[in-house]
PDB file of N, CA and C in Angstrom:
ATOM      1  N   MET A   1       0.828  -1.197   0.000  1.00  0.00           N
ATOM      2  CA  MET A   1       0.000   0.000   0.000  1.00  0.00           C
ATOM      3  C   MET A   1       0.874   1.263   0.000  1.00  0.00           C
ATOM      4  N   ARG A   2       2.021   1.207   0.687  1.00  0.00           N
ATOM      5  CA  ARG A   2       2.920   2.370   0.680  1.00  0.00           C
ATOM      6  C   ARG A   2       3.475   2.632  -0.703  1.00  0.00           C
ATOM      7  N   THR A   3       3.787   1.567  -1.419  1.00  0.00           N
ATOM      8  CA  THR A   3       4.299   1.722  -2.779  1.00  0.00           C
ATOM      9  C   THR A   3       3.257   2.395  -3.656  1.00  0.00           C
ATOM     10  N   LYS A   4       2.005   1.987  -3.509  1.00  0.00           N
ATOM     11  CA  LYS A   4       0.918   2.603  -4.273  1.00  0.00           C
ATOM     12  C   LYS A   4       0.844   4.095  -3.971  1.00  0.00           C
ATOM     13  N   PHE A   5       0.950   4.459  -2.698  1.00  0.00           N
ATOM     14  CA  PHE A   5       0.909   5.861  -2.303  1.00  0.00           C
ATOM     15  C   PHE A   5       2.022   6.646  -2.988  1.00  0.00           C
ATOM     16  N   TRP A   6       3.249   6.135  -2.948  1.00  0.00           N
ATOM     17  CA  TRP A   6       4.369   6.871  -3.532  1.00  0.00           C
ATOM     18  C   TRP A   6       4.269   6.952  -5.051  1.00  0.00           C
ATOM     19  N   ILE A   7       3.707   5.936  -5.677  1.00  0.00           N
ATOM     20  CA  ILE A   7       3.478   6.008  -7.128  1.00  0.00           C
ATOM     21  C   ILE A   7       2.470   7.104  -7.435  1.00  0.00           C
ATOM     22  N   GLU A   8       1.395   7.180  -6.656  1.00  0.00           N
ATOM     23  CA  GLU A   8       0.378   8.212  -6.866  1.00  0.00           C
ATOM     24  C   GLU A   8       0.954   9.608  -6.624  1.00  0.00           C
ATOM     25  N   VAL A   9       1.795   9.746  -5.613  1.00  0.00           N
ATOM     26  CA  VAL A   9       2.436  11.037  -5.349  1.00  0.00           C
ATOM     27  C   VAL A   9       3.358  11.423  -6.509  1.00  0.00           C
ATOM     28  N   ALA A  10       4.129  10.463  -6.994  1.00  0.00           N
ATOM     29  CA  ALA A  10       5.036  10.738  -8.113  1.00  0.00           C
ATOM     30  C   ALA A  10       4.265  11.122  -9.371  1.00  0.00           C
ATOM     31  N   LEU A  11       3.161  10.442  -9.628  1.00  0.00           N
ATOM     32  CA  LEU A  11       2.345  10.780 -10.799  1.00  0.00           C
ATOM     33  C   LEU A  11       1.717  12.166 -10.659  1.00  0.00           C
ATOM     34  N   ALA A  12       1.240  12.498  -9.469  1.00  0.00           N
ATOM     35  CA  ALA A  12       0.667  13.823  -9.234  1.00  0.00           C
ATOM     36  C   ALA A  12       1.727  14.908  -9.412  1.00  0.00           C
ATOM     37  N   ALA A  13       2.903  14.687  -8.848  1.00  0.00           N
ATOM     38  CA  ALA A  13       3.980  15.664  -8.966  1.00  0.00           C
ATOM     39  C   ALA A  13       4.447  15.818 -10.410  1.00  0.00           C
ATOM     40  N   SER A  14       4.574  14.707 -11.113  1.00  0.00           N
ATOM     41  CA  SER A  14       5.024  14.752 -12.506  1.00  0.00           C
ATOM     42  C   SER A  14       4.029  15.468 -13.400  1.00  0.00           C
ATOM     43  N   SER A  15       2.767  15.119 -13.263  1.00  0.00           N
ATOM     44  CA  SER A  15       1.764  15.769 -14.106  1.00  0.00           C
ATOM     45  C   SER A  15       1.616  17.240 -13.737  1.00  0.00           C
ATOM     46  N   GLY A  16       1.729  17.573 -12.457  1.00  0.00           N
ATOM     47  CA  GLY A  16       1.688  18.977 -12.054  1.00  0.00           C
ATOM     48  C   GLY A  16       2.867  19.759 -12.597  1.00  0.00           C
ATOM     49  N   PHE A  17       4.050  19.154 -12.547  1.00  0.00           N
ATOM     50  CA  PHE A  17       5.238  19.801 -13.096  1.00  0.00           C
ATOM     51  C   PHE A  17       5.096  20.041 -14.587  1.00  0.00           C
ATOM     52  N   LEU A  18       4.646  19.026 -15.328  1.00  0.00           N
ATOM     53  CA  LEU A  18       4.482  19.178 -16.774  1.00  0.00           C
ATOM     54  C   LEU A  18       3.417  20.222 -17.108  1.00  0.00           C
ATOM     55  N   CYS A  19       2.384  20.289 -16.292  1.00  0.00           N
ATOM     56  CA  CYS A  19       1.346  21.297 -16.496  1.00  0.00           C
ATOM     57  C   CYS A  19       1.923  22.701 -16.327  1.00  0.00           C
ATOM     58  N   LEU A  20       2.657  22.919 -15.248  1.00  0.00           N
ATOM     59  CA  LEU A  20       3.269  24.229 -15.018  1.00  0.00           C
ATOM     60  C   LEU A  20       4.316  24.556 -16.069  1.00  0.00           C
ATOM     61  N   LEU A  21       5.105  23.560 -16.442  1.00  0.00           N
ATOM     62  CA  LEU A  21       6.100  23.758 -17.483  1.00  0.00           C
ATOM     63  C   LEU A  21       5.433  24.211 -18.775  1.00  0.00           C
ATOM     64  N   THR A  22       4.331  23.586 -19.127  1.00  0.00           N
ATOM     65  CA  THR A  22       3.622  23.929 -20.349  1.00  0.00           C
ATOM     66  C   THR A  22       3.005  25.326 -20.265  1.00  0.00           C
ATOM     67  N   LEU A  23       2.521  25.691 -19.089  1.00  0.00           N
ATOM     68  CA  LEU A  23       1.955  27.034 -18.928  1.00  0.00           C
ATOM     69  C   LEU A  23       3.007  28.131 -19.063  1.00  0.00           C
ATOM     70  N   PHE A  24       4.201  27.895 -18.509  1.00  0.00           N
ATOM     71  CA  PHE A  24       5.224  28.934 -18.503  1.00  0.00           C
ATOM     72  C   PHE A  24       6.198  28.871 -19.674  1.00  0.00           C
ATOM     73  N   TRP A  25       6.358  27.706 -20.282  1.00  0.00           N
ATOM     74  CA  TRP A  25       7.269  27.564 -21.426  1.00  0.00           C
ATOM     75  C   TRP A  25       6.551  26.742 -22.484  1.00  0.00           C
ATOM     76  N   ARG A  26       5.791  27.417 -23.300  1.00  0.00           N
ATOM     77  CA  ARG A  26       4.900  26.732 -24.242  1.00  0.00           C
ATOM     78  C   ARG A  26       5.639  26.017 -25.363  1.00  0.00           C
ATOM     79  N   ASP A  27       6.872  26.351 -25.597  1.00  0.00           N
ATOM     80  CA  ASP A  27       7.617  25.739 -26.706  1.00  0.00           C
ATOM     81  C   ASP A  27       8.511  24.584 -26.265  1.00  0.00           C
ATOM     82  N   TRP A  28       8.280  24.028 -25.076  1.00  0.00           N
ATOM     83  CA  TRP A  28       9.166  22.957 -24.619  1.00  0.00           C
ATOM     84  C   TRP A  28       9.030  21.701 -25.468  1.00  0.00           C
ATOM     85  N   ILE A  29       7.853  21.461 -25.999  1.00  0.00           N
ATOM     86  CA  ILE A  29       7.673  20.274 -26.853  1.00  0.00           C
ATOM     87  C   ILE A  29       8.522  20.410 -28.111  1.00  0.00           C
ATOM     88  N   GLU A  30       8.444  21.582 -28.729  1.00  0.00           N
ATOM     89  CA  GLU A  30       9.233  21.826 -29.932  1.00  0.00           C
ATOM     90  C   GLU A  30      10.728  21.776 -29.629  1.00  0.00           C
ATOM     91  N   ALA A  31      11.132  22.320 -28.490  1.00  0.00           N
ATOM     92  CA  ALA A  31      12.555  22.373 -28.143  1.00  0.00           C
ATOM     93  C   ALA A  31      13.120  20.992 -27.824  1.00  0.00           C
ATOM     94  N   ILE A  32      12.373  20.178 -27.097  1.00  0.00           N
ATOM     95  CA  ILE A  32      12.898  18.876 -26.674  1.00  0.00           C
ATOM     96  C   ILE A  32      12.757  17.820 -27.760  1.00  0.00           C
ATOM     97  N   PHE A  33      11.569  17.735 -28.362  1.00  0.00           N
ATOM     98  CA  PHE A  33      11.314  16.670 -29.332  1.00  0.00           C
ATOM     99  C   PHE A  33      11.570  17.082 -30.778  1.00  0.00           C
ATOM    100  N   ARG A  34      11.839  18.361 -31.003  1.00  0.00           N
ATOM    101  CA  ARG A  34      12.116  18.892 -32.341  1.00  0.00           C
ATOM    102  C   ARG A  34      10.994  18.598 -33.339  1.00  0.00           C
ATOM    103  N   VAL A  35       9.768  18.700 -32.859  1.00  0.00           N
ATOM    104  CA  VAL A  35       8.595  18.588 -33.717  1.00  0.00           C
ATOM    105  C   VAL A  35       7.692  19.776 -33.428  1.00  0.00           C
ATOM    106  N   ASP A  36       6.881  20.139 -34.394  1.00  0.00           N
ATOM    107  CA  ASP A  36       5.941  21.237 -34.234  1.00  0.00           C
ATOM    108  C   ASP A  36       4.560  20.737 -34.640  1.00  0.00           C
ATOM    109  N   PRO A  37       3.882  20.035 -33.723  1.00  0.00           N
ATOM    110  CA  PRO A  37       2.631  19.364 -34.082  1.00  0.00           C
ATOM    111  C   PRO A  37       1.470  20.294 -34.420  1.00  0.00           C
ATOM    112  N   ASP A  38       1.526  21.538 -33.975  1.00  0.00           N
ATOM    113  CA  ASP A  38       0.389  22.424 -34.186  1.00  0.00           C
ATOM    114  C   ASP A  38       0.722  23.653 -35.034  1.00  0.00           C
ATOM    115  N   GLY A  39       1.828  23.614 -35.740  1.00  0.00           N
ATOM    116  CA  GLY A  39       2.187  24.751 -36.581  1.00  0.00           C
ATOM    117  C   GLY A  39       2.505  25.998 -35.773  1.00  0.00           C
ATOM    118  N   HIS A  40       2.952  25.826 -34.561  1.00  0.00           N
ATOM    119  CA  HIS A  40       3.377  26.898 -33.656  1.00  0.00           C
ATOM    120  C   HIS A  40       2.236  27.835 -33.257  1.00  0.00           C
ATOM    121  N   ASN A  41       1.002  27.305 -33.185  1.00  0.00           N
ATOM    122  CA  ASN A  41      -0.108  28.156 -32.748  1.00  0.00           C
ATOM    123  C   ASN A  41      -0.502  27.905 -31.293  1.00  0.00           C
ATOM    124  N   GLY A  42       0.067  26.896 -30.629  1.00  0.00           N
ATOM    125  CA  GLY A  42      -0.160  26.671 -29.217  1.00  0.00           C
ATOM    126  C   GLY A  42      -1.336  25.779 -28.874  1.00  0.00           C
ATOM    127  N   ALA A  43      -2.028  25.237 -29.854  1.00  0.00           N
ATOM    128  CA  ALA A  43      -3.205  24.404 -29.585  1.00  0.00           C
ATOM    129  C   ALA A  43      -2.844  23.127 -28.831  1.00  0.00           C
ATOM    130  N   VAL A  44      -1.774  22.483 -29.217  1.00  0.00           N
ATOM    131  CA  VAL A  44      -1.371  21.234 -28.551  1.00  0.00           C
ATOM    132  C   VAL A  44      -1.008  21.508 -27.088  1.00  0.00           C
ATOM    133  N   GLU A  45      -0.349  22.616 -26.847  1.00  0.00           N
ATOM    134  CA  GLU A  45       0.020  22.957 -25.474  1.00  0.00           C
ATOM    135  C   GLU A  45      -1.217  23.150 -24.593  1.00  0.00           C
ATOM    136  N   TRP A  46      -2.252  23.808 -25.113  1.00  0.00           N
ATOM    137  CA  TRP A  46      -3.481  23.997 -24.338  1.00  0.00           C
ATOM    138  C   TRP A  46      -4.213  22.679 -24.121  1.00  0.00           C
ATOM    139  N   ILE A  47      -4.136  21.779 -25.080  1.00  0.00           N
ATOM    140  CA  ILE A  47      -4.732  20.446 -24.896  1.00  0.00           C
ATOM    141  C   ILE A  47      -3.977  19.697 -23.795  1.00  0.00           C
ATOM    142  N   ILE A  48      -2.662  19.826 -23.778  1.00  0.00           N
ATOM    143  CA  ILE A  48      -1.859  19.175 -22.742  1.00  0.00           C
ATOM    144  C   ILE A  48      -2.226  19.723 -21.365  1.00  0.00           C
ATOM    145  N   VAL A  49      -2.333  21.036 -21.247  1.00  0.00           N
ATOM    146  CA  VAL A  49      -2.704  21.640 -19.963  1.00  0.00           C
ATOM    147  C   VAL A  49      -4.098  21.178 -19.551  1.00  0.00           C
ATOM    148  N   ALA A  50      -5.026  21.158 -20.501  1.00  0.00           N
ATOM    149  CA  ALA A  50      -6.399  20.737 -20.197  1.00  0.00           C
ATOM    150  C   ALA A  50      -6.451  19.281 -19.746  1.00  0.00           C
ATOM    151  N   ALA A  51      -5.553  18.456 -20.223  1.00  0.00           N
ATOM    152  CA  ALA A  51      -5.521  17.051 -19.809  1.00  0.00           C
ATOM    153  C   ALA A  51      -4.770  16.868 -18.491  1.00  0.00           C
ATOM    154  N   LEU A  52      -3.738  17.673 -18.262  1.00  0.00           N
ATOM    155  CA  LEU A  52      -2.914  17.491 -17.073  1.00  0.00           C
ATOM    156  C   LEU A  52      -3.539  18.047 -15.797  1.00  0.00           C
ATOM    157  N   VAL A  53      -4.351  19.075 -15.906  1.00  0.00           N
ATOM    158  CA  VAL A  53      -4.980  19.630 -14.699  1.00  0.00           C
ATOM    159  C   VAL A  53      -5.864  18.593 -14.009  1.00  0.00           C
ATOM    160  N   PRO A  54      -6.817  17.955 -14.713  1.00  0.00           N
ATOM    161  CA  PRO A  54      -7.611  16.932 -14.019  1.00  0.00           C
ATOM    162  C   PRO A  54      -6.793  15.696 -13.637  1.00  0.00           C
ATOM    163  N   ALA A  55      -5.775  15.367 -14.420  1.00  0.00           N
ATOM    164  CA  ALA A  55      -4.928  14.220 -14.069  1.00  0.00           C
ATOM    165  C   ALA A  55      -4.183  14.492 -12.769  1.00  0.00           C
ATOM    166  N   THR A  56      -3.650  15.696 -12.619  1.00  0.00           N
ATOM    167  CA  THR A  56      -2.951  16.058 -11.388  1.00  0.00           C
ATOM    168  C   THR A  56      -3.893  16.001 -10.196  1.00  0.00           C
ATOM    169  N   ALA A  57      -5.090  16.541 -10.382  1.00  0.00           N
ATOM    170  CA  ALA A  57      -6.085  16.515  -9.298  1.00  0.00           C
ATOM    171  C   ALA A  57      -6.462  15.082  -8.935  1.00  0.00           C
ATOM    172  N   ALA A  58      -6.679  14.249  -9.939  1.00  0.00           N
ATOM    173  CA  ALA A  58      -7.079  12.860  -9.686  1.00  0.00           C
ATOM    174  C   ALA A  58      -5.974  12.093  -8.963  1.00  0.00           C
ATOM    175  N   PHE A  59      -4.738  12.242  -9.410  1.00  0.00           N
ATOM    176  CA  PHE A  59      -3.626  11.553  -8.742  1.00  0.00           C
ATOM    177  C   PHE A  59      -3.454  12.065  -7.316  1.00  0.00           C
ATOM    178  N   GLY A  60      -3.629  13.360  -7.119  1.00  0.00           N
ATOM    179  CA  GLY A  60      -3.530  13.921  -5.785  1.00  0.00           C
ATOM    180  C   GLY A  60      -4.606  13.394  -4.849  1.00  0.00           C
ATOM    181  N   VAL A  61      -5.820  13.315  -5.356  1.00  0.00           N
ATOM    182  CA  VAL A  61      -6.928  12.783  -4.544  1.00  0.00           C
ATOM    183  C   VAL A  61      -6.688  11.313  -4.218  1.00  0.00           C
ATOM    184  N   ARG A  62      -6.251  10.548  -5.201  1.00  0.00           N
ATOM    185  CA  ARG A  62      -5.968   9.127  -4.955  1.00  0.00           C
ATOM    186  C   ARG A  62      -4.861   8.959  -3.911  1.00  0.00           C
ATOM    187  N   ALA A  63      -3.831   9.792  -3.985  1.00  0.00           N
ATOM    188  CA  ALA A  63      -2.753   9.716  -2.996  1.00  0.00           C
ATOM    189  C   ALA A  63      -3.288  10.059  -1.604  1.00  0.00           C
ATOM    190  N   ARG A  64      -4.153  11.041  -1.525  1.00  0.00           N
ATOM    191  CA  ARG A  64      -4.723  11.413  -0.227  1.00  0.00           C
ATOM    192  C   ARG A  64      -5.579  10.292   0.353  1.00  0.00           C
ATOM    193  N   VAL A  65      -6.389   9.662  -0.510  1.00  0.00           N
ATOM    194  CA  VAL A  65      -7.218   8.541  -0.059  1.00  0.00           C
ATOM    195  C   VAL A  65      -6.339   7.396   0.424  1.00  0.00           C
ATOM    196  N   THR A  66      -5.301   7.094  -0.318  1.00  0.00           N
ATOM    197  CA  THR A  66      -4.385   6.023   0.080  1.00  0.00           C
ATOM    198  C   THR A  66      -3.692   6.376   1.391  1.00  0.00           C
ATOM    199  N   TRP A  67      -3.272   7.620   1.549  1.00  0.00           N
ATOM    200  CA  TRP A  67      -2.618   8.064   2.778  1.00  0.00           C
ATOM    201  C   TRP A  67      -3.554   7.908   3.978  1.00  0.00           C
ATOM    202  N   ARG A  68      -4.809   8.294   3.794  1.00  0.00           N
ATOM    203  CA  ARG A  68      -5.776   8.166   4.895  1.00  0.00           C
ATOM    204  C   ARG A  68      -6.009   6.704   5.259  1.00  0.00           C
ATOM    205  N   ARG A  69      -6.045   5.836   4.261  1.00  0.00           N
ATOM    206  CA  ARG A  69      -6.210   4.391   4.539  1.00  0.00           C
ATOM    207  C   ARG A  69      -4.993   3.857   5.298  1.00  0.00           C
ATOM    208  N   LEU A  70      -3.817   4.280   4.868  1.00  0.00           N
ATOM    209  CA  LEU A  70      -2.604   3.843   5.577  1.00  0.00           C
ATOM    210  C   LEU A  70      -2.620   4.325   7.017  1.00  0.00           C
ATOM    211  N   ALA A  71      -3.034   5.557   7.227  1.00  0.00           N
ATOM    212  CA  ALA A  71      -3.086   6.111   8.582  1.00  0.00           C
ATOM    213  C   ALA A  71      -4.114   5.380   9.420  1.00  0.00           C
ATOM    214  N   ALA A  72      -5.266   5.087   8.835  1.00  0.00           N
ATOM    215  CA  ALA A  72      -6.317   4.361   9.579  1.00  0.00           C
ATOM    216  C   ALA A  72      -5.867   2.942   9.923  1.00  0.00           C
ATOM    217  N   ASP A  73      -5.204   2.281   8.988  1.00  0.00           N
ATOM    218  CA  ASP A  73      -4.699   0.942   9.254  1.00  0.00           C
ATOM    219  C   ASP A  73      -3.613   0.960  10.316  1.00  0.00           C
ATOM    220  N   GLY A  74      -2.800   1.985  10.310  1.00  0.00           N
ATOM    221  CA  GLY A  74      -1.740   2.092  11.298  1.00  0.00           C
ATOM    222  C   GLY A  74      -2.265   2.355  12.701  1.00  0.00           C
ATOM    223  N   LEU A  75      -3.333   3.125  12.789  1.00  0.00           N
ATOM    224  CA  LEU A  75      -3.916   3.424  14.103  1.00  0.00           C
ATOM    225  C   LEU A  75      -4.717   2.256  14.658  1.00  0.00           C
ATOM    226  N   SER A  76      -5.346   1.498  13.751  1.00  0.00           N
ATOM    227  CA  SER A  76      -6.216   0.420  14.232  1.00  0.00           C
ATOM    228  C   SER A  76      -5.473  -0.900  14.431  1.00  0.00           C
ATOM    229  N   GLY A  77      -4.338  -1.034  13.834  1.00  0.00           N
ATOM    230  CA  GLY A  77      -3.731  -2.338  13.954  1.00  0.00           C
ATOM    231  C   GLY A  77      -2.278  -2.294  14.060  1.00  0.00           C
TER     232      GLY A  77
END
């Protein structure tokens, strides 16, 4: 169960980081992968942000639920 918690935390942190990176540096995809999927108009970046915001929230909520279960199990047994 602890491993699951840390995986959820890592996924939340990673998706949150990528979301912020995309918000502040919109050309990171072009710079790192050397492709321009949207003709440099920013549409792909906004799709990435729109997908990462709920993913970050979902991973964060799952980590919190797992943490609470671990805490409850630790107190009861």
